[in-house]
Amino acid sequence: MSTMTPPPLDPAIALALAADPDAVVGMTAEDIPVLRARAVPVPEHEVTRYGTFERTDLRFRSAADGAPVPVVLLRPVQTSGPLPVLFHIHGGGLVLGGPLDDLPAALDLAARTGCAVATVDYRLAPEHPYPTPLLDCYGALVGLHEAAREWNLDPTRMIVSGVSAGGGLAAAVALWARDHDGPDLLGQLLVCPMLDDRNTSFSAQQMRGVGTWDLTANTTAWRAYLGDAAGGPGVPAHAAAGRAEDLRGLPPAYVDVASVETFRDECVAYANRIWQCGGVAELHVWPGGNHAFDFLAPWAPLSQDARAARLAWLRRLLLDA
């Protein structure tokens, strides 16, 4: 018999969550400006990974309206040959955050695989609802792909990556590129991606009020992005990739999620649909983790395992390229 009792948290993750004063479990629209004001700038030594990466600030045109989209490009100082690229899209529920927020984890992957990182500063909802954030990211991807050789980047080895809302945007960018004759992507690295605006999955209900991102926060975020259309029948797959039925022709996907989080069931369903469509996906469901647990507690053994699995996938992907 099913139960709405959440699975137990990993002990280390539970300790970290209990000590976190900034959890946004039940975010409402009124909380968005408060949470934005709470943001702390990322120190430059973290942006360049203590000088081991060189920073270049670029701008490309949004596919929405031609507006300039800032992109922070970070290339390893010691490099040879055209570099593969992690094209990274930050998290923040589509309403919070900036391009440097998830950067240390992305740079760690890049440092261990010889990649560059390009992280995009897309415009946020509700001021800029769908499709602007998606088309900001896509326009930046196209621009970077066209300028790749100029920056010693390999346009044939571009991997779109993202965390949470960034993971959902990364999945949507891959779909948009497929459907609009865009750049061929080598892979898509989707870390606890926010994929489905409908909030009807069992895990969305089960984790109400639990963890770091619950049903209330998710509803607030999707409504900011999609307005009154959120959860209704007319939302396109490019707005919420979890709605896509046809997942053929996509680059290999890495999907990970935790057992104690809102997005669990939609992420499992997305990977399963890729397989049903004959595609390639690697799925990990981390037992006892909550949403973005490895950012909350990077020192925890579960977090280290999750990051090691992403690294192993990326190494295999690049080796086969």
Protein backbone atom coordinates (compact mmCIF):
# COMPACT_ATOMS: atom_id res chain seq x y z
CA MET A 1 0.00 0.00 0.00
CA SER A 2 1.41 3.40 -0.96
CA THR A 3 2.22 5.99 1.67
CA MET A 4 2.98 9.69 1.59
CA THR A 5 5.73 9.28 4.18
CA PRO A 6 9.01 10.37 2.57
CA PRO A 7 11.97 7.99 2.39
CA PRO A 8 14.56 8.58 5.13
CA LEU A 9 17.35 11.07 4.57
CA ASP A 10 20.96 9.96 4.56
CA PRO A 11 22.30 10.82 8.05
CA ALA A 12 24.98 13.22 6.77
CA ILE A 13 22.49 14.97 4.49
CA ALA A 14 19.98 15.24 7.34
CA LEU A 15 22.57 16.97 9.52
CA ALA A 16 23.45 19.44 6.79
CA LEU A 17 19.80 20.20 6.07
CA ALA A 18 19.04 20.78 9.74
CA ALA A 19 21.89 23.29 9.89
CA ASP A 20 20.85 25.17 6.72
CA PRO A 21 19.08 28.46 7.53
CA ASP A 22 18.48 29.33 3.88
CA ALA A 23 16.40 26.38 2.67
CA VAL A 24 13.70 27.53 0.24
CA VAL A 25 11.29 24.67 0.86
CA GLY A 26 8.03 26.61 0.56
CA MET A 27 9.04 29.58 -1.61
CA THR A 28 6.20 31.91 -2.58
CA ALA A 29 6.18 34.74 -5.11
CA GLU A 30 6.69 37.20 -2.27
CA ASP A 31 9.89 35.37 -1.27
CA ILE A 32 11.61 35.82 -4.65
CA PRO A 33 12.96 39.37 -4.09
CA VAL A 34 13.99 38.44 -0.55
CA LEU A 35 15.94 35.42 -1.78
CA ARG A 36 17.53 37.45 -4.56
CA ALA A 37 18.70 40.04 -2.06
CA ARG A 38 20.25 37.29 0.05
CA ALA A 39 22.58 36.16 -2.75
CA VAL A 40 26.28 36.28 -1.94
CA PRO A 41 28.82 37.12 -4.71
CA VAL A 42 31.10 34.27 -5.74
CA PRO A 43 34.76 35.10 -4.97
CA GLU A 44 36.95 35.47 -8.05
CA HIS A 45 39.36 32.80 -6.82
CA GLU A 46 36.48 30.32 -6.98
CA VAL A 47 35.49 31.56 -10.45
CA THR A 48 38.98 30.79 -11.79
CA ARG A 49 39.56 27.80 -9.53
CA TYR A 50 42.50 29.52 -7.86
CA GLY A 51 43.96 30.73 -11.13
CA THR A 52 43.94 27.38 -12.92
CA PHE A 53 41.30 28.67 -15.35
CA GLU A 54 41.37 31.85 -17.42
CA ARG A 55 38.19 33.93 -17.44
CA THR A 56 36.84 35.64 -20.54
CA ASP A 57 33.52 37.51 -20.54
CA LEU A 58 31.63 37.16 -23.81
CA ARG A 59 28.26 38.25 -25.15
CA PHE A 60 26.04 36.53 -27.69
CA ARG A 61 22.62 37.35 -29.09
CA SER A 62 19.47 35.88 -27.58
CA ALA A 63 17.35 33.86 -29.99
CA ALA A 64 14.35 35.52 -28.34
CA ASP A 65 14.92 39.17 -29.23
CA GLY A 66 18.57 39.66 -30.12
CA ALA A 67 19.41 41.09 -26.71
CA PRO A 68 22.98 40.51 -25.51
CA VAL A 69 23.38 37.42 -23.32
CA PRO A 70 26.49 37.42 -21.10
CA VAL A 71 28.52 34.20 -21.03
CA VAL A 72 31.47 33.58 -18.72
CA LEU A 73 34.02 31.39 -20.51
CA LEU A 74 36.60 29.60 -18.37
CA ARG A 75 39.44 27.75 -20.07
CA PRO A 76 42.19 25.79 -18.34
CA VAL A 77 45.42 27.78 -18.25
CA GLN A 78 47.46 24.75 -19.25
CA THR A 79 45.84 23.52 -22.41
CA SER A 80 46.57 22.13 -25.84
CA GLY A 81 44.32 21.59 -28.82
CA PRO A 82 40.64 22.53 -29.17
CA LEU A 83 38.86 22.00 -25.85
CA PRO A 84 35.59 20.21 -25.22
CA VAL A 85 33.04 22.51 -23.59
CA LEU A 86 30.60 22.17 -20.74
CA PHE A 87 27.90 24.69 -21.67
CA HIS A 88 26.48 25.23 -18.21
CA ILE A 89 23.07 26.60 -17.18
CA HIS A 90 22.68 27.58 -13.55
CA GLY A 91 19.87 26.60 -11.21
CA GLY A 92 17.58 28.77 -9.10
CA GLY A 93 14.06 27.71 -9.99
CA LEU A 94 14.03 29.92 -13.10
CA VAL A 95 13.68 32.95 -10.80
CA LEU A 96 16.93 33.10 -8.83
CA GLY A 97 20.67 32.86 -9.30
CA GLY A 98 23.40 33.81 -11.70
CA PRO A 99 25.98 32.20 -13.95
CA LEU A 100 28.60 31.73 -11.23
CA ASP A 101 26.39 29.97 -8.69
CA ASP A 102 27.04 26.31 -9.63
CA LEU A 103 30.47 26.99 -11.02
CA PRO A 104 32.82 25.22 -8.57
CA ALA A 105 31.26 21.82 -9.26
CA ALA A 106 31.29 22.39 -13.02
CA LEU A 107 34.92 23.53 -12.89
CA ASP A 108 35.86 20.45 -10.90
CA LEU A 109 34.46 18.26 -13.69
CA ALA A 110 36.23 20.40 -16.29
CA ALA A 111 39.57 20.27 -14.49
CA ARG A 112 39.43 16.48 -14.37
CA THR A 113 38.46 16.05 -18.03
CA GLY A 114 40.31 18.84 -19.86
CA CYS A 115 37.15 20.79 -20.62
CA ALA A 116 36.33 24.46 -20.74
CA VAL A 117 33.20 25.77 -19.05
CA ALA A 118 30.87 28.37 -20.54
CA THR A 119 28.18 29.48 -18.12
CA VAL A 120 25.28 31.56 -19.36
CA ASP A 121 23.60 34.52 -17.66
CA TYR A 122 20.04 34.03 -18.92
CA ARG A 123 17.26 36.41 -17.94
CA LEU A 124 15.00 35.31 -15.10
CA ALA A 125 11.27 34.93 -14.62
CA PRO A 126 8.83 36.38 -13.74
CA GLU A 127 10.22 39.51 -15.40
CA HIS A 128 11.23 37.38 -18.39
CA PRO A 129 8.90 34.38 -18.74
CA TYR A 130 9.06 31.55 -21.26
CA PRO A 131 10.46 31.45 -23.88
CA THR A 132 13.05 34.15 -23.04
CA PRO A 133 15.27 32.15 -20.62
CA LEU A 134 15.30 29.16 -22.98
CA LEU A 135 16.09 31.28 -26.04
CA ASP A 136 18.74 33.25 -24.16
CA CYS A 137 20.48 29.93 -23.47
CA TYR A 138 19.97 28.64 -27.00
CA GLY A 139 21.19 31.86 -28.61
CA ALA A 140 24.30 31.77 -26.43
CA LEU A 141 24.89 28.13 -27.38
CA VAL A 142 24.65 28.92 -31.09
CA GLY A 143 26.92 31.95 -30.72
CA LEU A 144 29.54 30.00 -28.81
CA HIS A 145 29.36 27.15 -31.31
CA GLU A 146 29.97 29.57 -34.19
CA ALA A 147 32.86 31.27 -32.36
CA ALA A 148 34.36 28.08 -30.94
CA ARG A 149 37.54 27.96 -33.01
CA GLU A 150 38.33 31.56 -32.12
CA TRP A 151 38.51 30.56 -28.44
CA ASN A 152 40.31 27.24 -28.92
CA LEU A 153 37.09 25.27 -28.35
CA ASP A 154 35.92 22.15 -30.17
CA PRO A 155 32.45 22.72 -31.63
CA THR A 156 31.99 18.96 -32.10
CA ARG A 157 32.38 18.29 -28.38
CA MET A 158 29.90 20.56 -26.65
CA ILE A 159 27.95 19.14 -23.70
CA VAL A 160 25.00 21.05 -22.31
CA SER A 161 24.77 20.80 -18.53
CA GLY A 162 22.62 22.22 -15.80
CA VAL A 163 21.52 21.91 -12.20
CA SER A 164 17.86 21.95 -11.10
CA ALA A 165 16.10 24.60 -13.22
CA GLY A 166 19.31 24.77 -15.23
CA GLY A 167 19.02 21.04 -15.84
CA GLY A 168 15.48 21.53 -17.09
CA LEU A 169 16.64 24.33 -19.38
CA ALA A 170 19.53 22.15 -20.58
CA ALA A 171 17.06 19.40 -21.53
CA ALA A 172 14.85 21.98 -23.27
CA VAL A 173 17.87 23.42 -25.14
CA ALA A 174 18.72 19.93 -26.40
CA LEU A 175 15.13 19.51 -27.60
CA TRP A 176 15.12 22.95 -29.22
CA ALA A 177 18.44 22.29 -30.98
CA ARG A 178 17.09 19.00 -32.31
CA ASP A 179 13.88 20.60 -33.56
CA HIS A 180 15.45 23.72 -35.07
CA ASP A 181 18.51 22.31 -36.83
CA GLY A 182 20.78 23.62 -34.11
CA PRO A 183 24.27 22.58 -33.09
CA ASP A 184 24.91 18.87 -32.61
CA LEU A 185 25.53 18.28 -28.92
CA LEU A 186 27.81 15.55 -27.64
CA GLY A 187 25.76 15.00 -24.49
CA GLN A 188 23.45 16.45 -21.88
CA LEU A 189 24.34 16.38 -18.19
CA LEU A 190 21.12 16.88 -16.22
CA VAL A 191 21.66 17.19 -12.48
CA CYS A 192 18.40 16.97 -10.48
CA PRO A 193 16.62 18.63 -13.43
CA MET A 194 13.35 20.53 -13.06
CA LEU A 195 11.39 19.02 -15.94
CA ASP A 196 7.62 19.03 -15.41
CA ASP A 197 5.32 21.92 -14.53
CA ARG A 198 2.31 19.73 -13.73
CA ASN A 199 3.32 18.76 -10.17
CA THR A 200 1.18 15.63 -10.40
CA SER A 201 3.83 12.99 -9.70
CA PHE A 202 3.76 10.93 -6.54
CA SER A 203 7.08 12.36 -5.38
CA ALA A 204 5.83 15.95 -5.81
CA GLN A 205 3.01 15.19 -3.39
CA GLN A 206 5.10 12.97 -1.11
CA MET A 207 7.76 15.62 -0.54
CA ARG A 208 5.38 18.46 0.27
CA GLY A 209 7.15 20.57 2.92
CA VAL A 210 10.24 18.35 2.84
CA GLY A 211 13.85 18.95 1.83
CA THR A 212 15.05 22.05 0.03
CA TRP A 213 12.45 22.43 -2.76
CA ASP A 214 8.86 21.30 -2.38
CA LEU A 215 5.51 21.47 -4.16
CA THR A 216 4.86 25.07 -3.08
CA ALA A 217 8.25 26.29 -4.30
CA ASN A 218 7.90 24.35 -7.54
CA THR A 219 4.41 25.73 -8.20
CA THR A 220 5.66 29.27 -7.55
CA ALA A 221 8.58 28.84 -9.93
CA TRP A 222 6.61 27.30 -12.78
CA ARG A 223 3.90 29.95 -12.46
CA ALA A 224 6.57 32.65 -12.68
CA TYR A 225 7.90 31.03 -15.86
CA LEU A 226 4.63 30.05 -17.56
CA GLY A 227 2.00 32.29 -15.98
CA ASP A 228 -1.54 30.96 -15.89
CA ALA A 229 -0.63 28.27 -18.43
CA ALA A 230 1.43 26.39 -15.81
CA GLY A 231 0.05 22.93 -15.21
CA GLY A 232 -2.51 23.26 -18.00
CA PRO A 233 -2.88 21.35 -21.25
CA GLY A 234 -1.21 23.82 -23.60
CA VAL A 235 2.35 23.91 -22.28
CA PRO A 236 4.85 22.87 -25.00
CA ALA A 237 7.70 20.43 -24.43
CA HIS A 238 10.24 23.20 -25.07
CA ALA A 239 8.86 24.93 -21.97
CA ALA A 240 8.81 21.82 -19.79
CA ALA A 241 10.87 18.97 -21.22
CA GLY A 242 9.08 16.42 -19.03
CA ARG A 243 6.06 16.85 -21.30
CA ALA A 244 7.96 15.66 -24.38
CA GLU A 245 6.70 12.37 -25.77
CA ASP A 246 9.19 12.06 -28.63
CA LEU A 247 12.71 11.92 -27.23
CA ARG A 248 14.33 10.43 -30.31
CA GLY A 249 17.42 12.01 -31.82
CA LEU A 250 18.76 13.53 -28.62
CA PRO A 251 22.37 13.40 -27.42
CA PRO A 252 23.23 10.86 -24.69
CA ALA A 253 21.83 11.96 -21.36
CA TYR A 254 23.03 11.66 -17.81
CA VAL A 255 20.13 12.13 -15.38
CA ASP A 256 20.53 12.11 -11.65
CA VAL A 257 18.10 12.80 -8.85
CA ALA A 258 17.66 11.92 -5.20
CA SER A 259 15.11 9.67 -3.53
CA VAL A 260 13.89 12.38 -1.13
CA GLU A 261 13.00 15.13 -3.58
CA THR A 262 10.14 16.55 -5.56
CA PHE A 263 11.71 15.83 -8.96
CA ARG A 264 12.42 12.13 -8.37
CA ASP A 265 9.56 10.62 -10.34
CA GLU A 266 9.66 13.06 -13.26
CA CYS A 267 13.41 12.47 -13.70
CA VAL A 268 12.97 8.69 -13.63
CA ALA A 269 10.14 9.00 -16.14
CA TYR A 270 12.27 11.19 -18.43
CA ALA A 271 15.14 8.73 -18.54
CA ASN A 272 12.69 5.89 -19.08
CA ARG A 273 11.08 7.71 -22.00
CA ILE A 274 14.50 8.25 -23.60
CA TRP A 275 15.04 4.48 -23.46
CA GLN A 276 11.56 3.81 -24.82
CA CYS A 277 12.41 6.08 -27.77
CA GLY A 278 15.61 4.13 -28.45
CA GLY A 279 17.94 6.73 -26.96
CA VAL A 280 20.86 6.64 -24.55
CA ALA A 281 20.48 7.65 -20.91
CA GLU A 282 22.26 6.91 -17.67
CA LEU A 283 20.05 7.32 -14.60
CA HIS A 284 21.07 7.56 -10.95
CA VAL A 285 18.64 7.87 -8.02
CA TRP A 286 20.69 8.65 -4.93
CA PRO A 287 19.16 7.07 -1.82
CA GLY A 288 18.64 9.45 1.07
CA GLY A 289 19.56 12.60 -0.81
CA ASN A 290 17.34 15.65 -1.04
CA HIS A 291 17.23 18.18 -3.86
CA ALA A 292 20.78 19.32 -4.78
CA PHE A 293 22.16 17.44 -1.79
CA ASP A 294 25.72 17.45 -3.09
CA PHE A 295 25.71 21.26 -3.15
CA LEU A 296 24.26 21.36 0.35
CA ALA A 297 26.82 18.87 1.72
CA PRO A 298 29.66 18.30 -0.77
CA TRP A 299 31.68 16.60 1.98
CA ALA A 300 29.12 13.82 2.52
CA PRO A 301 30.03 10.35 1.17
CA LEU A 302 26.77 10.25 -0.82
CA SER A 303 27.67 13.58 -2.46
CA GLN A 304 31.15 12.38 -3.32
CA ASP A 305 29.69 9.26 -4.92
CA ALA A 306 27.26 11.33 -6.97
CA ARG A 307 30.00 13.63 -8.24
CA ALA A 308 32.26 10.68 -9.02
CA ALA A 309 29.49 9.10 -11.11
CA ARG A 310 29.05 12.28 -13.15
CA LEU A 311 32.78 12.45 -13.71
CA ALA A 312 32.92 8.81 -14.86
CA TRP A 313 30.07 9.42 -17.33
CA LEU A 314 31.73 12.53 -18.74
CA ARG A 315 35.07 10.76 -19.14
CA ARG A 316 33.43 7.89 -21.04
CA LEU A 317 31.51 10.31 -23.23
CA LEU A 318 34.66 12.22 -24.19
CA LEU A 319 36.65 9.03 -24.68
CA ASP A 320 34.11 7.75 -27.19
CA ALA A 321 33.88 11.07 -29.07
